[in-house]
Amino acid sequence: MDNDCLFCRIANRQLKADIVEEADGLLAFKDIHPQAPTHMLIIPIEHIPSVAQLTERHTLLIGNAIHMANRIAKEHQLSQTGYRLVVNCGLQAGQSVDHFHVHLLGGRKMLWPPG
């Protein structure tokens, strides 16, 4: 845990969040600044600064994050219309919290290119 990390503090219940699911070393919660009608963040409980710091030992964790996103998407009736999973890596890519996370966005038409 990194005491200066916003997401670590949420994972350790030091800060409130609207938690949707917790399983397999992961936590999913609603984004406080949603960019779509459904906007969840899926984070590992373990502090991993970004996708660039993932190693082979994180393979199962990342697979579980995708499965969690799929479950949440189904629960929010996004499977038929579609949804987007986003991982930003670094400041120029839009990563604003230095803790690996997956955005799950849905409930509206997504445009391309995204940024």
Protein backbone atom coordinates (compact mmCIF):
# COMPACT_ATOMS: atom_id res chain seq x y z
CA MET A 1 0.00 0.00 0.00
CA ASP A 2 1.06 3.54 -0.78
CA ASN A 3 -0.39 5.93 1.82
CA ASP A 4 -0.23 8.80 -0.69
CA CYS A 5 -2.20 6.86 -3.31
CA LEU A 6 -5.88 7.73 -3.67
CA PHE A 7 -6.82 4.25 -4.89
CA CYS A 8 -4.86 2.49 -2.13
CA ARG A 9 -6.77 4.58 0.39
CA ILE A 10 -10.06 3.55 -1.25
CA ALA A 11 -9.00 -0.11 -1.33
CA ASN A 12 -8.17 0.05 2.39
CA ARG A 13 -11.47 1.81 3.17
CA GLN A 14 -9.74 4.97 4.35
CA LEU A 15 -11.75 6.91 1.75
CA LYS A 16 -15.36 6.34 0.77
CA ALA A 17 -16.26 5.02 -2.64
CA ASP A 18 -19.38 3.52 -4.21
CA ILE A 19 -18.03 -0.03 -4.35
CA VAL A 20 -19.62 -2.33 -6.90
CA GLU A 21 -17.63 -5.55 -6.41
CA GLU A 22 -14.61 -6.97 -4.63
CA ALA A 23 -13.03 -10.29 -5.57
CA ASP A 24 -9.75 -11.95 -6.53
CA GLY A 25 -7.55 -9.13 -5.22
CA LEU A 26 -9.54 -6.50 -7.14
CA LEU A 27 -11.98 -3.76 -6.27
CA ALA A 28 -14.52 -2.13 -8.61
CA PHE A 29 -16.16 1.18 -7.82
CA LYS A 30 -18.01 3.99 -9.57
CA ASP A 31 -15.90 6.81 -10.97
CA ILE A 32 -16.60 10.09 -9.17
CA HIS A 33 -16.30 12.00 -12.48
CA PRO A 34 -18.14 9.65 -14.87
CA GLN A 35 -17.52 10.07 -18.58
CA ALA A 36 -20.43 7.81 -19.51
CA PRO A 37 -23.71 6.71 -17.89
CA THR A 38 -21.83 3.66 -16.61
CA HIS A 39 -18.24 4.39 -15.59
CA MET A 40 -16.54 2.01 -13.18
CA LEU A 41 -12.90 1.68 -12.19
CA ILE A 42 -11.39 -1.74 -11.54
CA ILE A 43 -8.21 -1.65 -9.46
CA PRO A 44 -5.92 -4.22 -7.87
CA ILE A 45 -5.76 -4.02 -4.08
CA GLU A 46 -1.97 -4.26 -4.48
CA HIS A 47 -0.35 -0.96 -5.37
CA ILE A 48 0.92 -1.17 -8.93
CA PRO A 49 1.70 2.32 -10.31
CA SER A 50 0.77 1.65 -13.95
CA VAL A 51 0.48 -0.96 -16.65
CA ALA A 52 4.20 -0.41 -17.30
CA GLN A 53 5.01 -2.02 -13.94
CA LEU A 54 3.01 -5.19 -14.57
CA THR A 55 5.03 -8.38 -14.64
CA GLU A 56 4.34 -11.97 -15.55
CA ARG A 57 3.23 -12.62 -11.96
CA HIS A 58 0.30 -10.23 -12.58
CA THR A 59 -1.10 -12.25 -15.50
CA LEU A 60 -3.90 -13.87 -13.50
CA LEU A 61 -4.75 -10.57 -11.80
CA ILE A 62 -5.18 -8.82 -15.17
CA GLY A 63 -7.27 -11.68 -16.52
CA ASN A 64 -9.46 -11.47 -13.42
CA ALA A 65 -9.84 -7.70 -13.97
CA ILE A 66 -11.19 -8.32 -17.48
CA HIS A 67 -13.56 -11.01 -16.20
CA MET A 68 -14.76 -8.63 -13.48
CA ALA A 69 -15.39 -5.94 -16.10
CA ASN A 70 -17.41 -8.43 -18.16
CA ARG A 71 -19.52 -9.40 -15.14
CA ILE A 72 -20.20 -5.78 -14.25
CA ALA A 73 -21.06 -4.97 -17.88
CA LYS A 74 -23.58 -7.82 -17.94
CA GLU A 75 -25.09 -6.69 -14.63
CA HIS A 76 -25.55 -3.20 -16.10
CA GLN A 77 -27.06 -4.52 -19.36
CA LEU A 78 -24.13 -3.30 -21.47
CA SER A 79 -23.32 -6.59 -23.18
CA GLN A 80 -25.85 -6.15 -26.00
CA THR A 81 -25.08 -2.52 -26.82
CA GLY A 82 -21.35 -2.58 -26.10
CA TYR A 83 -18.87 -1.07 -23.71
CA ARG A 84 -15.30 0.13 -23.65
CA LEU A 85 -12.39 -0.94 -21.45
CA VAL A 86 -9.58 1.62 -21.18
CA VAL A 87 -6.15 1.46 -19.57
CA ASN A 88 -4.07 4.64 -19.62
CA CYS A 89 -0.32 4.47 -19.00
CA GLY A 90 1.44 7.64 -17.98
CA LEU A 91 0.55 11.30 -17.81
CA GLN A 92 0.50 11.94 -21.58
CA ALA A 93 -1.92 9.05 -22.03
CA GLY A 94 -4.31 10.49 -19.47
CA GLN A 95 -3.42 8.48 -16.37
CA SER A 96 -4.25 10.80 -13.47
CA VAL A 97 -3.84 8.37 -10.55
CA ASP A 98 -0.59 6.42 -10.24
CA HIS A 99 -2.29 3.10 -9.49
CA PHE A 100 -3.07 0.66 -12.31
CA HIS A 101 -6.76 0.72 -13.16
CA VAL A 102 -9.17 -0.32 -15.88
CA HIS A 103 -12.01 2.00 -16.87
CA LEU A 104 -15.30 0.33 -17.81
CA LEU A 105 -17.45 2.77 -19.80
CA GLY A 106 -20.84 2.18 -21.34
CA GLY A 107 -24.38 3.37 -21.79
CA ARG A 108 -23.64 5.74 -24.67
CA LYS A 109 -22.09 5.62 -28.13
CA MET A 110 -18.30 5.72 -27.95
CA LEU A 111 -16.41 7.64 -30.61
CA TRP A 112 -13.11 6.86 -32.30
CA PRO A 113 -10.45 8.06 -32.08
CA PRO A 114 -11.01 8.51 -28.34
CA GLY A 115 -8.60 11.36 -27.68
